[in-house]
């Protein structure tokens, strides 16, 4: 009988040891999950940079070029031009998209160097995509603005004016972005 008692006692000790080991592993797994959750939560911290006081709290959304805080409040007021004016947009859109494609990455790189922002912290593709998406509404905005102010432009002058305004806006917005994107911020590619 003594052999059986010894066997059951050693079996009980082994089970107890395994139980403590399992609890230890469960605790470690829970800690790892908590740390992972906290780390993921911390990587999408509040990122602030000043585009005329625009604050970005997460990394998704749209980069609005050339808008003041007042413009953002009235963003639903942007209207697309009527059919008579859509030819200007149709003519300018390919030209401005080509400008972004041909000059965008170089402009971002030059401004990053000028502002001492490491390129690996910037997702150039995302910035350019955001700007390209906004081109139609920005063309419409400048066209409406020119017509509202009753500036006397012929069609060629109007297209040139809009093109230059948007190019200036792109450069200005990217420069403001770079100025606010110091080495402690984390925008761009993970």
N, C-alpha and C. Protein backbone atom coordinates (compact mmCIF):
# COMPACT_ATOMS: atom_id res chain seq x y z
N UNK A 1 0.82 -1.19 0.00
CA UNK A 1 0.00 0.00 0.00
C UNK A 1 0.87 1.25 0.00
N UNK A 2 1.98 1.19 0.66
CA UNK A 2 2.86 2.32 0.76
C UNK A 2 3.32 2.78 -0.61
N UNK A 3 3.53 1.87 -1.54
CA UNK A 3 3.93 2.18 -2.91
C UNK A 3 2.86 2.98 -3.62
N UNK A 4 1.59 2.57 -3.38
CA UNK A 4 0.49 3.31 -4.02
C UNK A 4 0.38 4.73 -3.44
N UNK A 5 0.51 4.85 -2.16
CA UNK A 5 0.44 6.18 -1.55
C UNK A 5 1.55 7.09 -2.09
N UNK A 6 2.72 6.53 -2.20
CA UNK A 6 3.85 7.30 -2.73
C UNK A 6 3.57 7.70 -4.17
N UNK A 7 3.07 6.78 -4.95
CA UNK A 7 2.76 7.05 -6.36
C UNK A 7 1.69 8.15 -6.47
N UNK A 8 0.63 8.05 -5.70
CA UNK A 8 -0.46 9.03 -5.76
C UNK A 8 0.06 10.38 -5.27
N UNK A 9 0.88 10.38 -4.22
CA UNK A 9 1.44 11.63 -3.71
C UNK A 9 2.31 12.30 -4.77
N UNK A 10 3.19 11.53 -5.44
CA UNK A 10 4.05 12.11 -6.48
C UNK A 10 3.21 12.57 -7.67
N UNK A 11 2.14 11.83 -7.99
CA UNK A 11 1.22 12.22 -9.06
C UNK A 11 0.53 13.53 -8.68
N UNK A 12 0.09 13.65 -7.45
CA UNK A 12 -0.56 14.87 -6.95
C UNK A 12 0.42 16.05 -7.03
N UNK A 13 1.67 15.84 -6.64
CA UNK A 13 2.66 16.91 -6.71
C UNK A 13 2.89 17.35 -8.16
N UNK A 14 2.96 16.37 -9.04
CA UNK A 14 3.17 16.68 -10.47
C UNK A 14 1.98 17.47 -11.02
N UNK A 15 0.77 17.08 -10.68
CA UNK A 15 -0.44 17.79 -11.12
C UNK A 15 -0.44 19.20 -10.56
N UNK A 16 -0.09 19.34 -9.29
CA UNK A 16 -0.04 20.66 -8.65
C UNK A 16 1.00 21.54 -9.33
N UNK A 17 2.15 20.95 -9.64
CA UNK A 17 3.21 21.68 -10.33
C UNK A 17 2.73 22.13 -11.72
N UNK A 18 2.08 21.24 -12.45
CA UNK A 18 1.55 21.57 -13.77
C UNK A 18 0.47 22.66 -13.67
N UNK A 19 -0.37 22.59 -12.65
CA UNK A 19 -1.42 23.59 -12.43
C UNK A 19 -0.81 24.97 -12.20
N UNK A 20 0.23 25.04 -11.36
CA UNK A 20 0.90 26.33 -11.11
C UNK A 20 1.55 26.85 -12.40
N UNK A 21 2.14 25.94 -13.16
CA UNK A 21 2.78 26.32 -14.42
C UNK A 21 1.74 26.87 -15.40
N UNK A 22 0.60 26.24 -15.51
CA UNK A 22 -0.48 26.70 -16.40
C UNK A 22 -0.98 28.07 -15.95
N UNK A 23 -1.19 28.26 -14.65
CA UNK A 23 -1.62 29.57 -14.14
C UNK A 23 -0.58 30.64 -14.44
N UNK A 24 0.68 30.28 -14.31
CA UNK A 24 1.76 31.21 -14.61
C UNK A 24 1.72 31.61 -16.10
N UNK A 25 1.52 30.61 -16.95
CA UNK A 25 1.42 30.89 -18.39
C UNK A 25 0.20 31.75 -18.71
N UNK A 26 -0.92 31.47 -18.07
CA UNK A 26 -2.13 32.28 -18.29
C UNK A 26 -1.89 33.73 -17.87
N UNK A 27 -1.20 33.93 -16.76
CA UNK A 27 -0.89 35.28 -16.29
C UNK A 27 0.01 36.00 -17.30
N UNK A 28 1.02 35.29 -17.78
CA UNK A 28 1.93 35.89 -18.76
C UNK A 28 1.21 36.22 -20.06
N UNK A 29 0.32 35.35 -20.49
CA UNK A 29 -0.46 35.62 -21.71
C UNK A 29 -1.32 36.85 -21.52
N UNK A 30 -1.95 36.95 -20.37
CA UNK A 30 -2.80 38.11 -20.07
C UNK A 30 -1.95 39.39 -20.08
N UNK A 31 -0.76 39.33 -19.49
CA UNK A 31 0.12 40.49 -19.47
C UNK A 31 0.54 40.87 -20.89
N UNK A 32 0.88 39.87 -21.70
CA UNK A 32 1.26 40.14 -23.09
C UNK A 32 0.10 40.77 -23.87
N UNK A 33 -1.10 40.24 -23.67
CA UNK A 33 -2.27 40.81 -24.34
C UNK A 33 -2.49 42.25 -23.90
N UNK A 34 -2.38 42.51 -22.60
CA UNK A 34 -2.54 43.87 -22.11
C UNK A 34 -1.47 44.80 -22.67
N UNK A 35 -0.22 44.33 -22.69
CA UNK A 35 0.87 45.14 -23.25
C UNK A 35 0.66 45.41 -24.72
N UNK A 36 0.24 44.39 -25.46
CA UNK A 36 -0.03 44.55 -26.89
C UNK A 36 -1.15 45.55 -27.10
N UNK A 37 -2.22 45.43 -26.31
CA UNK A 37 -3.33 46.37 -26.43
C UNK A 37 -2.86 47.78 -26.11
N UNK A 38 -2.06 47.94 -25.04
CA UNK A 38 -1.56 49.26 -24.66
C UNK A 38 -0.63 49.80 -25.74
N UNK A 39 0.23 48.94 -26.28
CA UNK A 39 1.16 49.36 -27.33
C UNK A 39 0.39 49.81 -28.56
N UNK A 40 -0.60 49.02 -28.98
CA UNK A 40 -1.40 49.40 -30.15
C UNK A 40 -2.14 50.69 -29.90
N UNK A 41 -2.62 50.84 -28.70
CA UNK A 41 -3.34 52.07 -28.34
C UNK A 41 -2.39 53.26 -28.37
N UNK A 42 -1.15 53.05 -27.94
CA UNK A 42 -0.18 54.14 -27.88
C UNK A 42 0.37 54.51 -29.25
N UNK A 43 0.40 53.60 -30.21
CA UNK A 43 0.96 53.93 -31.51
C UNK A 43 0.05 54.86 -32.31
N UNK A 44 -1.21 54.95 -31.96
CA UNK A 44 -2.12 55.85 -32.65
C UNK A 44 -2.50 56.96 -31.66
N UNK A 45 -1.46 57.54 -31.11
CA UNK A 45 -1.67 58.63 -30.17
C UNK A 45 -2.15 59.86 -30.93
N UNK A 46 -2.49 60.83 -30.18
CA UNK A 46 -2.91 62.12 -30.74
C UNK A 46 -1.70 62.76 -31.41
N UNK A 47 -1.79 63.04 -32.69
CA UNK A 47 -0.73 63.68 -33.45
C UNK A 47 -1.21 65.08 -33.78
N UNK A 48 -0.46 66.07 -33.34
CA UNK A 48 -0.86 67.45 -33.60
C UNK A 48 0.14 68.11 -34.52
N UNK A 49 -0.34 68.76 -35.53
CA UNK A 49 0.46 69.65 -36.35
C UNK A 49 -0.48 70.75 -36.80
N UNK A 50 0.08 71.85 -37.20
CA UNK A 50 -0.74 73.03 -37.43
C UNK A 50 -0.94 73.30 -38.91
N UNK A 51 -2.09 72.98 -39.41
CA UNK A 51 -2.55 73.40 -40.72
C UNK A 51 -3.60 74.45 -40.39
N UNK A 52 -3.15 75.61 -40.04
CA UNK A 52 -4.07 76.65 -39.57
C UNK A 52 -4.90 76.11 -38.42
N UNK A 53 -4.23 75.47 -37.45
CA UNK A 53 -4.82 74.96 -36.21
C UNK A 53 -5.64 73.67 -36.39
N UNK A 54 -5.51 72.97 -37.49
CA UNK A 54 -6.19 71.68 -37.69
C UNK A 54 -5.47 70.63 -36.87
N UNK A 55 -6.21 69.85 -36.07
CA UNK A 55 -5.60 68.81 -35.23
C UNK A 55 -6.00 67.44 -35.76
N UNK A 56 -5.02 66.56 -35.90
CA UNK A 56 -5.24 65.19 -36.35
C UNK A 56 -5.07 64.28 -35.16
N UNK A 57 -6.10 63.48 -34.83
CA UNK A 57 -6.02 62.61 -33.68
C UNK A 57 -5.80 61.15 -34.06
N UNK A 58 -5.96 60.81 -35.31
CA UNK A 58 -5.62 59.46 -35.75
C UNK A 58 -5.07 59.54 -37.16
N UNK A 59 -4.59 58.42 -37.67
CA UNK A 59 -3.87 58.45 -38.92
C UNK A 59 -4.71 58.13 -40.14
N UNK A 60 -6.02 58.09 -39.99
CA UNK A 60 -6.82 57.90 -41.18
C UNK A 60 -7.69 59.11 -41.40
N UNK A 61 -8.16 59.25 -42.59
CA UNK A 61 -8.94 60.43 -42.94
C UNK A 61 -8.36 61.09 -44.15
N UNK A 62 -8.59 62.38 -44.26
CA UNK A 62 -8.18 63.12 -45.43
C UNK A 62 -7.37 64.33 -45.02
N UNK A 63 -6.29 64.58 -45.74
CA UNK A 63 -5.50 65.78 -45.54
C UNK A 63 -6.16 66.88 -46.35
N UNK A 64 -6.74 67.87 -45.69
CA UNK A 64 -7.41 68.97 -46.38
C UNK A 64 -6.39 70.05 -46.69
N UNK A 65 -6.17 70.28 -47.97
CA UNK A 65 -5.19 71.28 -48.35
C UNK A 65 -5.86 72.63 -48.50
N UNK A 66 -5.21 73.66 -47.98
CA UNK A 66 -5.64 75.02 -48.20
C UNK A 66 -6.91 75.45 -47.50
N UNK A 67 -7.29 74.80 -46.42
CA UNK A 67 -8.52 75.16 -45.74
C UNK A 67 -8.22 75.76 -44.38
N UNK A 68 -8.90 76.84 -44.06
CA UNK A 68 -8.78 77.41 -42.72
C UNK A 68 -9.81 76.74 -41.84
N UNK A 69 -9.73 76.92 -40.51
CA UNK A 69 -10.74 76.32 -39.63
C UNK A 69 -12.16 76.77 -39.99
N UNK A 70 -12.31 78.02 -40.42
CA UNK A 70 -13.64 78.50 -40.83
C UNK A 70 -14.13 77.75 -42.07
N UNK A 71 -13.21 77.48 -43.02
CA UNK A 71 -13.58 76.73 -44.22
C UNK A 71 -14.04 75.33 -43.85
N UNK A 72 -13.37 74.70 -42.85
CA UNK A 72 -13.76 73.35 -42.45
C UNK A 72 -15.17 73.33 -41.87
N UNK A 73 -15.55 74.40 -41.13
CA UNK A 73 -16.91 74.47 -40.59
C UNK A 73 -17.95 74.58 -41.69
N UNK A 74 -17.57 75.17 -42.79
CA UNK A 74 -18.52 75.39 -43.89
C UNK A 74 -18.24 74.49 -45.08
N UNK A 75 -17.62 73.34 -44.84
CA UNK A 75 -17.21 72.49 -45.94
C UNK A 75 -18.38 72.01 -46.80
N UNK A 76 -19.58 71.89 -46.20
CA UNK A 76 -20.72 71.47 -47.01
C UNK A 76 -21.14 72.55 -48.00
N UNK A 77 -20.62 73.79 -47.83
CA UNK A 77 -20.96 74.87 -48.74
C UNK A 77 -20.18 74.79 -50.05
N UNK A 78 -19.11 73.96 -50.09
CA UNK A 78 -18.40 73.82 -51.35
C UNK A 78 -19.32 73.19 -52.36
N UNK A 79 -19.41 73.79 -53.50
CA UNK A 79 -20.29 73.22 -54.51
C UNK A 79 -19.50 72.98 -55.76
N UNK A 80 -19.94 72.00 -56.50
CA UNK A 80 -19.29 71.72 -57.76
C UNK A 80 -19.84 72.69 -58.80
N UNK A 81 -19.05 73.08 -59.75
CA UNK A 81 -19.53 74.02 -60.74
C UNK A 81 -20.63 73.42 -61.59
N UNK A 82 -21.48 74.27 -62.13
CA UNK A 82 -22.56 73.76 -62.97
C UNK A 82 -21.99 73.28 -64.30
N UNK A 83 -22.83 72.72 -65.11
CA UNK A 83 -22.39 72.08 -66.36
C UNK A 83 -21.62 73.04 -67.26
N UNK A 84 -21.97 74.32 -67.24
CA UNK A 84 -21.29 75.30 -68.07
C UNK A 84 -19.84 75.52 -67.67
N UNK A 85 -19.55 75.31 -66.40
CA UNK A 85 -18.19 75.55 -65.92
C UNK A 85 -17.39 74.27 -65.75
N UNK A 86 -17.99 73.14 -65.95
CA UNK A 86 -17.29 71.87 -65.70
C UNK A 86 -16.14 71.65 -66.66
N UNK A 87 -16.14 72.35 -67.79
CA UNK A 87 -15.03 72.16 -68.73
C UNK A 87 -13.72 72.64 -68.14
N UNK A 88 -13.75 73.68 -67.30
CA UNK A 88 -12.52 74.15 -66.67
C UNK A 88 -11.97 73.05 -65.76
N UNK A 89 -12.85 72.44 -64.99
CA UNK A 89 -12.42 71.36 -64.11
C UNK A 89 -11.89 70.19 -64.94
N UNK A 90 -12.60 69.86 -66.01
CA UNK A 90 -12.17 68.75 -66.86
C UNK A 90 -10.82 69.03 -67.51
N UNK A 91 -10.55 70.30 -67.79
CA UNK A 91 -9.27 70.65 -68.41
C UNK A 91 -8.14 70.73 -67.39
N UNK A 92 -8.45 71.23 -66.20
CA UNK A 92 -7.40 71.40 -65.19
C UNK A 92 -7.06 70.13 -64.43
N UNK A 93 -8.03 69.28 -64.22
CA UNK A 93 -7.82 68.08 -63.41
C UNK A 93 -6.68 67.21 -63.92
N UNK A 94 -6.62 66.85 -65.22
CA UNK A 94 -5.49 66.03 -65.69
C UNK A 94 -4.14 66.74 -65.50
N UNK A 95 -4.14 68.07 -65.74
CA UNK A 95 -2.91 68.84 -65.61
C UNK A 95 -2.41 68.83 -64.16
N UNK A 96 -3.32 69.06 -63.21
CA UNK A 96 -2.93 69.10 -61.80
C UNK A 96 -2.59 67.71 -61.26
N UNK A 97 -3.29 66.68 -61.74
CA UNK A 97 -2.92 65.31 -61.36
C UNK A 97 -1.52 64.98 -61.87
N UNK A 98 -1.21 65.42 -63.09
CA UNK A 98 0.13 65.20 -63.65
C UNK A 98 1.17 65.96 -62.83
N UNK A 99 0.84 67.16 -62.40
CA UNK A 99 1.75 67.94 -61.55
C UNK A 99 2.06 67.17 -60.26
N UNK A 100 1.02 66.63 -59.62
CA UNK A 100 1.25 65.86 -58.39
C UNK A 100 2.09 64.62 -58.67
N UNK A 101 1.76 63.89 -59.75
CA UNK A 101 2.50 62.68 -60.09
C UNK A 101 3.97 62.98 -60.37
N UNK A 102 4.21 64.04 -61.15
CA UNK A 102 5.57 64.33 -61.61
C UNK A 102 6.41 65.06 -60.56
N UNK A 103 5.78 65.87 -59.72
CA UNK A 103 6.53 66.72 -58.80
C UNK A 103 6.27 66.44 -57.33
N UNK A 104 5.22 65.69 -57.02
CA UNK A 104 4.79 65.52 -55.64
C UNK A 104 5.83 64.89 -54.74
N UNK A 105 6.39 63.76 -55.14
CA UNK A 105 7.35 63.05 -54.29
C UNK A 105 8.60 63.91 -54.08
N UNK A 106 9.06 64.57 -55.15
CA UNK A 106 10.24 65.43 -55.04
C UNK A 106 9.95 66.63 -54.13
N UNK A 107 8.77 67.21 -54.25
CA UNK A 107 8.39 68.33 -53.39
C UNK A 107 8.33 67.90 -51.93
N UNK A 108 7.73 66.74 -51.67
CA UNK A 108 7.66 66.21 -50.30
C UNK A 108 9.07 65.96 -49.77
N UNK A 109 9.92 65.35 -50.59
CA UNK A 109 11.30 65.06 -50.18
C UNK A 109 12.06 66.35 -49.87
N UNK A 110 11.95 67.35 -50.76
CA UNK A 110 12.66 68.62 -50.55
C UNK A 110 12.18 69.33 -49.28
N UNK A 111 10.87 69.34 -49.06
CA UNK A 111 10.34 69.98 -47.85
C UNK A 111 10.72 69.20 -46.59
N UNK A 112 10.78 67.87 -46.70
CA UNK A 112 11.20 67.05 -45.56
C UNK A 112 12.65 67.36 -45.21
N UNK A 113 13.51 67.48 -46.22
CA UNK A 113 14.92 67.81 -45.98
C UNK A 113 15.02 69.20 -45.36
N UNK A 114 14.29 70.14 -45.94
CA UNK A 114 14.32 71.52 -45.46
C UNK A 114 13.87 71.60 -44.01
N UNK A 115 12.89 70.79 -43.62
CA UNK A 115 12.36 70.82 -42.26
C UNK A 115 12.96 69.73 -41.37
N UNK A 116 13.96 69.03 -41.87
CA UNK A 116 14.66 67.97 -41.13
C UNK A 116 13.70 66.89 -40.62
N UNK A 117 12.81 66.44 -41.50
CA UNK A 117 11.87 65.38 -41.17
C UNK A 117 12.32 64.12 -41.92
N UNK A 118 12.59 63.03 -41.23
CA UNK A 118 13.02 61.79 -41.91
C UNK A 118 11.94 61.28 -42.86
N UNK A 119 12.33 60.95 -44.07
CA UNK A 119 11.37 60.49 -45.08
C UNK A 119 10.66 59.21 -44.67
N UNK A 120 11.31 58.36 -43.87
CA UNK A 120 10.65 57.12 -43.47
C UNK A 120 9.45 57.36 -42.56
N UNK A 121 9.31 58.56 -42.05
CA UNK A 121 8.15 58.90 -41.20
C UNK A 121 6.98 59.43 -42.03
N UNK A 122 7.16 59.55 -43.34
CA UNK A 122 6.14 60.18 -44.18
C UNK A 122 5.67 59.18 -45.23
N UNK A 123 4.36 59.05 -45.35
CA UNK A 123 3.78 58.22 -46.40
C UNK A 123 3.42 59.14 -47.56
N UNK A 124 4.39 59.33 -48.47
CA UNK A 124 4.20 60.24 -49.61
C UNK A 124 2.99 59.84 -50.44
N UNK A 125 2.82 58.55 -50.65
CA UNK A 125 1.69 58.08 -51.45
C UNK A 125 0.36 58.49 -50.86
N UNK A 126 0.24 58.37 -49.54
CA UNK A 126 -1.00 58.75 -48.86
C UNK A 126 -1.25 60.25 -48.98
N UNK A 127 -0.22 61.05 -48.77
CA UNK A 127 -0.37 62.51 -48.89
C UNK A 127 -0.79 62.90 -50.30
N UNK A 128 -0.14 62.33 -51.31
CA UNK A 128 -0.45 62.67 -52.69
C UNK A 128 -1.86 62.20 -53.07
N UNK A 129 -2.23 61.02 -52.58
CA UNK A 129 -3.58 60.50 -52.85
C UNK A 129 -4.64 61.42 -52.24
N UNK A 130 -4.42 61.85 -51.01
CA UNK A 130 -5.36 62.77 -50.35
C UNK A 130 -5.50 64.07 -51.15
N UNK A 131 -4.36 64.60 -51.59
CA UNK A 131 -4.42 65.86 -52.35
C UNK A 131 -5.13 65.66 -53.68
N UNK A 132 -4.84 64.55 -54.36
CA UNK A 132 -5.48 64.29 -55.65
C UNK A 132 -7.00 64.18 -55.51
N UNK A 133 -7.46 63.57 -54.43
CA UNK A 133 -8.90 63.43 -54.20
C UNK A 133 -9.57 64.80 -54.03
N UNK A 134 -8.83 65.77 -53.53
CA UNK A 134 -9.40 67.09 -53.25
C UNK A 134 -9.32 68.05 -54.43
N UNK A 135 -8.60 67.69 -55.47
CA UNK A 135 -8.43 68.60 -56.59
C UNK A 135 -9.75 69.09 -57.20
N UNK A 136 -10.73 68.21 -57.46
CA UNK A 136 -11.97 68.72 -58.07
C UNK A 136 -12.66 69.80 -57.22
N UNK A 137 -12.74 69.58 -55.92
CA UNK A 137 -13.42 70.59 -55.08
C UNK A 137 -12.59 71.85 -54.95
N UNK A 138 -11.25 71.74 -54.99
CA UNK A 138 -10.41 72.94 -54.92
C UNK A 138 -10.50 73.74 -56.22
N UNK A 139 -10.58 73.06 -57.37
CA UNK A 139 -10.78 73.76 -58.64
C UNK A 139 -12.11 74.51 -58.59
N UNK A 140 -13.15 73.81 -58.14
CA UNK A 140 -14.48 74.43 -58.04
C UNK A 140 -14.44 75.63 -57.09
N UNK A 141 -13.73 75.49 -55.97
CA UNK A 141 -13.64 76.57 -54.99
C UNK A 141 -13.01 77.82 -55.62
N UNK A 142 -11.86 77.65 -56.27
CA UNK A 142 -11.17 78.81 -56.84
C UNK A 142 -11.93 79.39 -58.03
N UNK A 143 -12.60 78.54 -58.77
CA UNK A 143 -13.41 79.04 -59.87
C UNK A 143 -14.57 79.89 -59.32
N UNK A 144 -15.26 79.37 -58.31
CA UNK A 144 -16.37 80.12 -57.70
C UNK A 144 -15.86 81.41 -57.06
N UNK A 145 -14.72 81.32 -56.40
CA UNK A 145 -14.14 82.51 -55.75
C UNK A 145 -13.82 83.59 -56.78
N UNK A 146 -13.24 83.19 -57.91
CA UNK A 146 -12.90 84.16 -58.96
C UNK A 146 -14.17 84.79 -59.55
N UNK A 147 -15.19 83.97 -59.75
CA UNK A 147 -16.43 84.50 -60.31
C UNK A 147 -17.17 85.39 -59.30
N UNK A 148 -17.11 85.03 -58.01
CA UNK A 148 -17.76 85.83 -56.97
C UNK A 148 -17.10 87.19 -56.83
N UNK A 149 -15.79 87.21 -56.92
CA UNK A 149 -15.08 88.48 -56.75
C UNK A 149 -15.14 89.32 -58.02
N UNK A 150 -15.80 88.78 -59.02
CA UNK A 150 -16.02 89.47 -60.29
C UNK A 150 -14.71 89.89 -60.96
N UNK A 151 -13.69 89.06 -60.75
CA UNK A 151 -12.42 89.34 -61.42
C UNK A 151 -12.61 89.09 -62.91
N UNK A 152 -12.05 89.95 -63.69
CA UNK A 152 -12.19 89.84 -65.14
C UNK A 152 -11.11 88.93 -65.71
N UNK A 153 -11.45 87.68 -65.87
CA UNK A 153 -10.53 86.69 -66.44
C UNK A 153 -11.16 86.14 -67.71
N UNK A 154 -10.34 85.99 -68.74
CA UNK A 154 -10.83 85.15 -69.83
C UNK A 154 -10.58 83.71 -69.42
N UNK A 155 -11.04 82.75 -70.18
CA UNK A 155 -10.94 81.35 -69.76
C UNK A 155 -9.50 80.90 -69.54
N UNK A 156 -8.60 81.33 -70.41
CA UNK A 156 -7.19 80.95 -70.28
C UNK A 156 -6.59 81.53 -68.99
N UNK A 157 -6.90 82.80 -68.71
CA UNK A 157 -6.39 83.43 -67.49
C UNK A 157 -6.98 82.77 -66.25
N UNK A 158 -8.27 82.44 -66.32
CA UNK A 158 -8.93 81.79 -65.18
C UNK A 158 -8.27 80.45 -64.88
N UNK A 159 -8.03 79.64 -65.92
CA UNK A 159 -7.38 78.33 -65.71
C UNK A 159 -5.98 78.51 -65.14
N UNK A 160 -5.24 79.49 -65.64
CA UNK A 160 -3.90 79.74 -65.13
C UNK A 160 -3.95 80.19 -63.68
N UNK A 161 -4.88 81.06 -63.35
CA UNK A 161 -5.05 81.54 -61.98
C UNK A 161 -5.37 80.37 -61.04
N UNK A 162 -6.32 79.53 -61.41
CA UNK A 162 -6.72 78.39 -60.57
C UNK A 162 -5.55 77.42 -60.41
N UNK A 163 -4.87 77.12 -61.51
CA UNK A 163 -3.73 76.20 -61.48
C UNK A 163 -2.66 76.71 -60.51
N UNK A 164 -2.31 77.98 -60.60
CA UNK A 164 -1.28 78.54 -59.73
C UNK A 164 -1.72 78.59 -58.28
N UNK A 165 -2.99 78.91 -58.03
CA UNK A 165 -3.51 78.93 -56.66
C UNK A 165 -3.41 77.55 -56.03
N UNK A 166 -3.78 76.52 -56.77
CA UNK A 166 -3.76 75.16 -56.24
C UNK A 166 -2.32 74.69 -56.03
N UNK A 167 -1.44 75.00 -56.96
CA UNK A 167 -0.03 74.62 -56.77
C UNK A 167 0.54 75.30 -55.53
N UNK A 168 0.22 76.57 -55.35
CA UNK A 168 0.67 77.30 -54.16
C UNK A 168 0.09 76.66 -52.90
N UNK A 169 -1.19 76.30 -52.97
CA UNK A 169 -1.87 75.68 -51.83
C UNK A 169 -1.22 74.34 -51.46
N UNK A 170 -0.89 73.54 -52.46
CA UNK A 170 -0.24 72.25 -52.24
C UNK A 170 1.10 72.47 -51.53
N UNK A 171 1.90 73.39 -52.07
CA UNK A 171 3.21 73.67 -51.48
C UNK A 171 3.06 74.19 -50.05
N UNK A 172 2.15 75.12 -49.85
CA UNK A 172 1.93 75.71 -48.53
C UNK A 172 1.48 74.64 -47.52
N UNK A 173 0.53 73.81 -47.91
CA UNK A 173 0.01 72.78 -47.00
C UNK A 173 1.07 71.74 -46.65
N UNK A 174 1.84 71.32 -47.63
CA UNK A 174 2.91 70.35 -47.36
C UNK A 174 3.98 70.97 -46.46
N UNK A 175 4.30 72.23 -46.69
CA UNK A 175 5.28 72.91 -45.85
C UNK A 175 4.79 73.00 -44.41
N UNK A 176 3.52 73.36 -44.22
CA UNK A 176 2.94 73.43 -42.87
C UNK A 176 2.97 72.05 -42.22
N UNK A 177 2.65 71.02 -43.01
CA UNK A 177 2.68 69.65 -42.50
C UNK A 177 4.08 69.29 -42.02
N UNK A 178 5.10 69.61 -42.84
CA UNK A 178 6.48 69.28 -42.47
C UNK A 178 6.92 70.06 -41.24
N UNK A 179 6.54 71.33 -41.15
CA UNK A 179 6.92 72.13 -40.00
C UNK A 179 6.37 71.53 -38.71
N UNK A 180 5.19 70.95 -38.78
CA UNK A 180 4.57 70.37 -37.60
C UNK A 180 4.95 68.93 -37.36
N UNK A 181 5.62 68.30 -38.31
CA UNK A 181 5.95 66.88 -38.20
C UNK A 181 7.40 66.75 -37.75
N UNK A 182 7.66 67.06 -36.48
CA UNK A 182 9.04 66.95 -35.98
C UNK A 182 9.39 65.48 -35.75
N UNK A 183 10.57 65.25 -35.26
CA UNK A 183 11.04 63.88 -35.13
C UNK A 183 10.34 63.08 -34.07
N UNK A 184 9.52 63.72 -33.21
CA UNK A 184 8.80 62.98 -32.18
C UNK A 184 7.44 62.50 -32.65
N UNK A 185 6.97 63.02 -33.79
CA UNK A 185 5.65 62.59 -34.25
C UNK A 185 5.79 61.32 -35.06
N UNK A 186 4.68 60.64 -35.24
CA UNK A 186 4.71 59.37 -35.96
C UNK A 186 3.63 59.34 -37.01
N UNK A 187 3.83 60.07 -38.12
CA UNK A 187 2.86 60.05 -39.20
C UNK A 187 3.53 59.36 -40.37
N UNK A 188 2.78 58.58 -41.08
CA UNK A 188 3.31 57.93 -42.25
C UNK A 188 3.34 56.45 -42.07
N UNK A 189 4.31 55.83 -42.71
CA UNK A 189 4.38 54.37 -42.71
C UNK A 189 4.73 53.85 -41.33
N UNK A 190 4.10 52.75 -40.88
CA UNK A 190 4.43 52.16 -39.58
C UNK A 190 5.81 51.55 -39.59
